[in-house]
Amino acid sequence: MGGFGSLPTRAGDKPFLFCEGEKEKMENETPSYYAVIPADIRYDNRLRANEKLMYGEITCLSNKLGYCYSTNSYFAELYDVTPQAVSKWISNLEECGYIKTEYIRKGKEIVERRIFLVSTKNCEVSTKVDEGINKSLRTYKQKIKENTTRDITTSDNTTRDSDKPKSDFQIVVETYFQNFKNLYAQKKVNTEKPYISMKVAGSMINRLLSEIGKEKIIMALDRAILDNWIVEQGYSITTILSANQLNKLLNGKSTTSQNGGYVNNKRPASDNKVGEIDF
């Protein structure tokens, strides 16, 4: 090949060629740059999890030259998959508009594939050799620094304010999460954190604080621990504080052990679960 050597390929993988020594250098060198995965990509449902991870790897490998020249075989070995799988990931990333590929030829033969990052709505990417993706990384590092400073400041303020009395809202929320934590420790709920709507739960708590007060809400939360049906449903605070369940809990009426856990053979309304959210 006159100065070029080919990477070993698996069936179906396109051979990409490199100057002698480049293969060893590439495979022995571990990128030390940050991986950048913008929100556009993280939350794009068209992409598989491994495709999002590969995008991050491409940002690392693009830092020096402004593009990534790694082969399908390299990524396949890195992620322990087949080159065909890698080829599909790259094709999908390109179809979704996040990367573009160019092929360098020597005569009719392909000697290198170059993968370029395409700027997204939330992450501008420079492909200049002297910048690589450093500009984007500097932006991310600055944001990390700003967020860290903000967190430290918030932590200091929290420490100074720790002697302030807690609001009834805080007490209710802390009671709920402590109860949920205890249920999780006892393996009575399946998730470490509850799946609830912050907006709905907060609205219910504030309304009930003015109507029945903190003590009765906490009483209902504590009694709900002993209600098999509520626990089986995930010990959701929005279920506990719904009018039907709250009335039964405060009046000592249980929804358990009748008709598979349902009173009058009727299932309570859905809990409007929208995802795992912390208070």
Protein backbone atom coordinates (compact mmCIF):
# COMPACT_ATOMS: atom_id res chain seq x y z
CA MET A 1 0.00 0.00 0.00
CA GLY A 2 3.05 2.26 0.10
CA GLY A 3 3.04 3.72 3.61
CA PHE A 4 -0.50 2.70 4.52
CA GLY A 5 -1.70 -0.21 6.60
CA SER A 6 -5.29 -1.40 7.04
CA LEU A 7 -7.06 -1.95 10.33
CA PRO A 8 -8.33 -5.51 10.89
CA THR A 9 -12.02 -5.60 10.07
CA ARG A 10 -14.93 -7.87 10.86
CA ALA A 11 -17.42 -9.08 8.28
CA GLY A 12 -19.40 -6.20 6.82
CA ASP A 13 -17.06 -3.48 8.10
CA LYS A 14 -15.59 -1.05 5.60
CA PRO A 15 -11.77 -1.01 5.71
CA PHE A 16 -10.37 2.41 6.55
CA LEU A 17 -6.64 2.91 6.13
CA PHE A 18 -4.13 4.86 8.16
CA CYS A 19 -0.46 5.76 7.90
CA GLU A 20 1.81 3.21 9.56
CA GLY A 21 1.88 3.81 13.32
CA GLU A 22 -1.43 5.69 13.40
CA LYS A 23 -3.43 2.58 14.32
CA GLU A 24 -1.22 1.80 17.32
CA LYS A 25 -1.18 5.44 18.38
CA MET A 26 -4.97 5.71 18.16
CA GLU A 27 -5.67 2.44 19.98
CA ASN A 28 -3.13 3.05 22.74
CA GLU A 29 -4.12 6.65 23.36
CA THR A 30 -6.96 7.28 25.80
CA PRO A 31 -8.67 10.65 25.17
CA SER A 32 -8.39 12.90 28.21
CA TYR A 33 -10.84 15.56 27.04
CA TYR A 34 -14.35 16.13 28.31
CA ALA A 35 -17.20 14.36 26.52
CA VAL A 36 -19.95 16.77 25.53
CA ILE A 37 -23.52 15.53 25.07
CA PRO A 38 -25.86 18.53 24.58
CA ALA A 39 -29.45 18.46 25.81
CA ASP A 40 -30.70 18.25 22.21
CA ILE A 41 -29.07 14.84 21.95
CA ARG A 42 -29.71 13.61 25.49
CA TYR A 43 -33.46 14.05 25.12
CA ASP A 44 -33.82 13.05 21.44
CA ASN A 45 -36.05 9.97 21.47
CA ARG A 46 -34.89 9.05 17.98
CA LEU A 47 -31.49 8.10 19.38
CA ARG A 48 -30.57 4.95 21.26
CA ALA A 49 -28.63 5.25 24.50
CA ASN A 50 -25.45 3.91 22.88
CA GLU A 51 -25.76 6.42 20.04
CA LYS A 52 -25.83 9.26 22.57
CA LEU A 53 -22.80 7.78 24.32
CA MET A 54 -20.99 7.44 21.00
CA TYR A 55 -21.67 11.11 20.23
CA GLY A 56 -19.91 11.99 23.47
CA GLU A 57 -16.95 9.80 22.48
CA ILE A 58 -16.79 11.49 19.08
CA THR A 59 -16.56 14.90 20.78
CA CYS A 60 -13.49 13.66 22.66
CA LEU A 61 -11.84 12.23 19.57
CA SER A 62 -12.61 15.39 17.56
CA ASN A 63 -10.85 17.71 19.94
CA LYS A 64 -7.38 17.58 18.34
CA LEU A 65 -8.18 17.85 14.65
CA GLY A 66 -11.75 19.10 14.62
CA TYR A 67 -13.00 15.71 13.39
CA CYS A 68 -12.90 12.05 14.40
CA TYR A 69 -11.18 9.49 12.16
CA SER A 70 -11.80 6.34 14.26
CA THR A 71 -13.11 3.28 12.43
CA ASN A 72 -16.14 1.13 13.06
CA SER A 73 -13.80 -1.61 14.29
CA TYR A 74 -12.28 0.74 16.86
CA PHE A 75 -15.71 1.68 18.26
CA ALA A 76 -16.88 -1.93 18.08
CA GLU A 77 -13.96 -3.04 20.25
CA LEU A 78 -14.47 -0.07 22.57
CA TYR A 79 -18.16 -0.85 23.19
CA ASP A 80 -17.96 -4.64 22.70
CA VAL A 81 -20.43 -4.69 19.82
CA THR A 82 -20.23 -5.55 16.12
CA PRO A 83 -19.01 -3.07 13.47
CA GLN A 84 -22.43 -3.37 11.85
CA ALA A 85 -24.04 -2.03 15.05
CA VAL A 86 -21.59 0.89 15.08
CA SER A 87 -22.36 1.60 11.43
CA LYS A 88 -26.08 1.85 12.26
CA TRP A 89 -25.39 4.20 15.19
CA ILE A 90 -23.30 6.53 13.02
CA SER A 91 -25.90 6.46 10.24
CA ASN A 92 -28.67 7.38 12.68
CA LEU A 93 -26.65 10.21 14.21
CA GLU A 94 -26.06 11.54 10.71
CA GLU A 95 -29.71 11.14 9.68
CA CYS A 96 -30.74 13.09 12.79
CA GLY A 97 -28.39 15.89 11.79
CA TYR A 98 -25.84 15.66 14.62
CA ILE A 99 -22.81 14.56 12.61
CA LYS A 100 -21.64 14.45 9.01
CA THR A 101 -19.15 12.07 7.45
CA GLU A 102 -16.58 12.61 4.70
CA TYR A 103 -14.44 9.99 3.00
CA ILE A 104 -10.83 10.61 1.98
CA ARG A 105 -9.84 8.66 -1.10
CA LYS A 106 -6.58 7.66 -2.73
CA GLY A 107 -7.60 7.02 -6.27
CA LYS A 108 -10.70 4.86 -6.02
CA GLU A 109 -9.82 3.53 -2.59
CA ILE A 110 -11.12 4.98 0.69
CA VAL A 111 -8.20 5.65 3.01
CA GLU A 112 -9.97 7.50 5.82
CA ARG A 113 -13.41 8.41 7.12
CA ARG A 114 -13.80 11.69 8.93
CA ILE A 115 -16.71 12.35 11.27
CA PHE A 116 -17.54 16.02 11.88
CA LEU A 117 -19.81 17.33 14.61
CA VAL A 118 -22.70 19.52 13.53
CA SER A 119 -23.70 22.48 15.69
CA THR A 120 -26.98 21.99 17.57
CA LYS A 121 -29.44 24.42 19.08
CA ASN A 122 -27.72 24.32 22.48
CA CYS A 123 -24.11 23.61 21.54
CA GLU A 124 -22.10 25.42 18.89
CA VAL A 125 -19.20 23.33 17.66
CA SER A 126 -16.09 24.62 15.89
CA THR A 127 -14.35 22.24 13.48
CA LYS A 128 -11.28 24.45 13.05
CA VAL A 129 -8.07 22.54 13.70
CA ASP A 130 -6.78 25.21 16.08
CA GLU A 131 -9.99 25.10 18.12
CA GLY A 132 -11.36 21.57 17.80
CA ILE A 133 -14.25 21.65 20.26
CA ASN A 134 -12.24 23.56 22.86
CA LYS A 135 -14.50 26.59 22.57
CA SER A 136 -17.54 24.52 23.43
CA LEU A 137 -15.68 22.79 26.25
CA ARG A 138 -14.58 26.11 27.71
CA THR A 139 -18.22 27.17 27.73
CA TYR A 140 -19.21 23.98 29.54
CA LYS A 141 -16.34 24.30 32.03
CA GLN A 142 -17.36 27.89 32.75
CA LYS A 143 -20.94 26.78 33.36
CA ILE A 144 -19.71 24.01 35.68
CA LYS A 145 -17.62 26.57 37.58
CA GLU A 146 -20.56 28.97 37.82
CA ASN A 147 -22.89 26.21 38.99
CA THR A 148 -20.35 25.02 41.56
CA THR A 149 -19.94 28.54 42.90
CA ARG A 150 -23.71 28.94 43.03
CA ASP A 151 -24.07 25.61 44.87
CA ILE A 152 -21.41 26.61 47.42
CA THR A 153 -23.12 29.95 47.98
CA THR A 154 -26.48 28.23 48.37
CA SER A 155 -24.94 25.74 50.79
CA ASP A 156 -23.47 28.58 52.88
CA ASN A 157 -26.83 30.32 52.97
CA THR A 158 -28.51 27.08 53.96
CA THR A 159 -26.03 26.65 56.81
CA ARG A 160 -26.63 30.17 58.04
CA ASP A 161 -30.38 29.67 57.79
CA SER A 162 -30.38 26.25 59.46
CA ASP A 163 -31.54 27.70 62.77
CA LYS A 164 -34.67 29.12 61.19
CA PRO A 165 -37.85 27.15 62.00
CA LYS A 166 -39.11 24.90 59.21
CA SER A 167 -42.36 25.73 57.50
CA ASP A 168 -45.33 23.38 57.78
CA PHE A 169 -44.89 22.62 54.07
CA GLN A 170 -41.27 21.52 54.65
CA ILE A 171 -42.25 19.35 57.61
CA VAL A 172 -44.95 17.58 55.59
CA VAL A 173 -42.61 16.97 52.66
CA GLU A 174 -39.80 15.69 54.89
CA THR A 175 -42.22 13.36 56.70
CA TYR A 176 -43.41 11.93 53.38
CA PHE A 177 -39.90 11.32 52.05
CA GLN A 178 -38.74 9.79 55.33
CA ASN A 179 -41.71 7.41 55.26
CA PHE A 180 -40.95 6.54 51.63
CA LYS A 181 -37.28 5.96 52.48
CA ASN A 182 -38.29 3.57 55.27
CA LEU A 183 -40.63 1.66 52.95
CA TYR A 184 -37.85 1.34 50.37
CA ALA A 185 -35.46 0.04 53.05
CA GLN A 186 -38.09 -2.58 53.93
CA LYS A 187 -38.42 -3.44 50.20
CA LYS A 188 -42.11 -2.54 50.24
CA VAL A 189 -41.73 -0.08 47.33
CA ASN A 190 -39.72 -0.80 44.21
CA THR A 191 -38.10 2.57 43.53
CA GLU A 192 -35.66 4.56 45.63
CA LYS A 193 -37.57 7.78 44.91
CA PRO A 194 -41.29 8.26 44.32
CA TYR A 195 -42.75 9.01 40.90
CA ILE A 196 -44.89 12.06 41.54
CA SER A 197 -45.88 15.40 40.07
CA MET A 198 -44.25 18.20 42.05
CA LYS A 199 -46.78 20.72 40.80
CA VAL A 200 -49.79 18.60 41.76
CA ALA A 201 -48.36 17.47 45.11
CA GLY A 202 -47.30 20.99 46.13
CA SER A 203 -50.72 22.37 45.27
CA MET A 204 -52.47 19.65 47.27
CA ILE A 205 -50.24 20.15 50.32
CA ASN A 206 -50.72 23.93 50.37
CA ARG A 207 -54.49 23.59 50.02
CA LEU A 208 -54.79 20.97 52.75
CA LEU A 209 -52.53 22.91 55.12
CA SER A 210 -55.06 25.72 55.08
CA GLU A 211 -58.05 23.35 55.29
CA ILE A 212 -57.08 20.66 57.83
CA GLY A 213 -53.60 21.60 59.08
CA LYS A 214 -50.19 19.95 59.26
CA GLU A 215 -51.00 17.42 61.99
CA LYS A 216 -53.81 15.71 60.08
CA ILE A 217 -51.77 15.55 56.89
CA ILE A 218 -48.91 13.87 58.76
CA MET A 219 -51.41 11.54 60.43
CA ALA A 220 -52.65 10.48 57.00
CA LEU A 221 -49.09 9.98 55.73
CA ASP A 222 -48.24 7.78 58.70
CA ARG A 223 -51.43 5.74 58.49
CA ALA A 224 -50.90 5.24 54.75
CA ILE A 225 -47.78 3.20 55.56
CA LEU A 226 -50.09 0.50 56.95
CA ASP A 227 -52.44 0.58 53.96
CA ASN A 228 -51.43 -2.29 51.70
CA TRP A 229 -53.13 -0.92 48.60
CA ILE A 230 -51.51 2.53 48.88
CA VAL A 231 -48.08 0.97 49.45
CA GLU A 232 -48.56 -1.42 46.52
CA GLN A 233 -49.37 1.59 44.33
CA GLY A 234 -46.02 3.15 45.25
CA TYR A 235 -46.94 5.21 48.33
CA SER A 236 -47.67 8.28 46.22
CA ILE A 237 -48.40 11.45 48.15
CA THR A 238 -50.94 12.54 45.55
CA THR A 239 -52.82 9.28 46.07
CA ILE A 240 -52.68 9.63 49.86
CA LEU A 241 -53.94 13.22 49.79
CA SER A 242 -56.71 12.61 47.27
CA ALA A 243 -60.13 13.31 48.77
CA ASN A 244 -61.27 9.66 48.76
CA GLN A 245 -58.11 8.20 50.33
CA LEU A 246 -57.58 11.05 52.78
CA ASN A 247 -61.11 10.67 54.15
CA LYS A 248 -60.63 6.93 54.66
CA LEU A 249 -57.23 7.36 56.31
CA LEU A 250 -58.37 10.07 58.72
CA ASN A 251 -61.56 8.22 59.59
CA GLY A 252 -59.80 4.91 60.14
CA LYS A 253 -61.30 3.17 57.09
CA SER A 254 -58.88 1.03 55.11
CA THR A 255 -59.04 0.27 51.40
CA THR A 256 -57.30 -3.08 51.92
CA SER A 257 -58.45 -6.71 51.88
CA GLN A 258 -61.67 -6.11 49.94
CA ASN A 259 -62.02 -7.07 46.28
CA GLY A 260 -58.27 -7.27 45.74
CA GLY A 261 -57.68 -3.99 47.51
CA TYR A 262 -60.51 -1.93 45.98
CA VAL A 263 -63.59 -0.79 47.85
CA ASN A 264 -66.92 -1.49 46.11
CA ASN A 265 -64.89 -3.18 43.36
CA LYS A 266 -63.90 0.27 42.03
CA ARG A 267 -60.32 1.25 41.31
CA PRO A 268 -59.37 4.79 42.45
CA ALA A 269 -58.56 7.35 39.78
CA SER A 270 -55.09 7.33 38.20
CA ASP A 271 -52.38 9.19 40.09
CA ASN A 272 -51.18 11.34 37.18
CA LYS A 273 -47.60 10.07 37.45
CA VAL A 274 -45.30 12.20 35.33
CA GLY A 275 -41.82 11.09 36.30
CA GLU A 276 -39.34 10.92 39.14
CA ILE A 277 -39.13 14.37 40.72
CA ASP A 278 -37.62 15.46 44.02
CA PHE A 279 -39.11 18.18 46.17
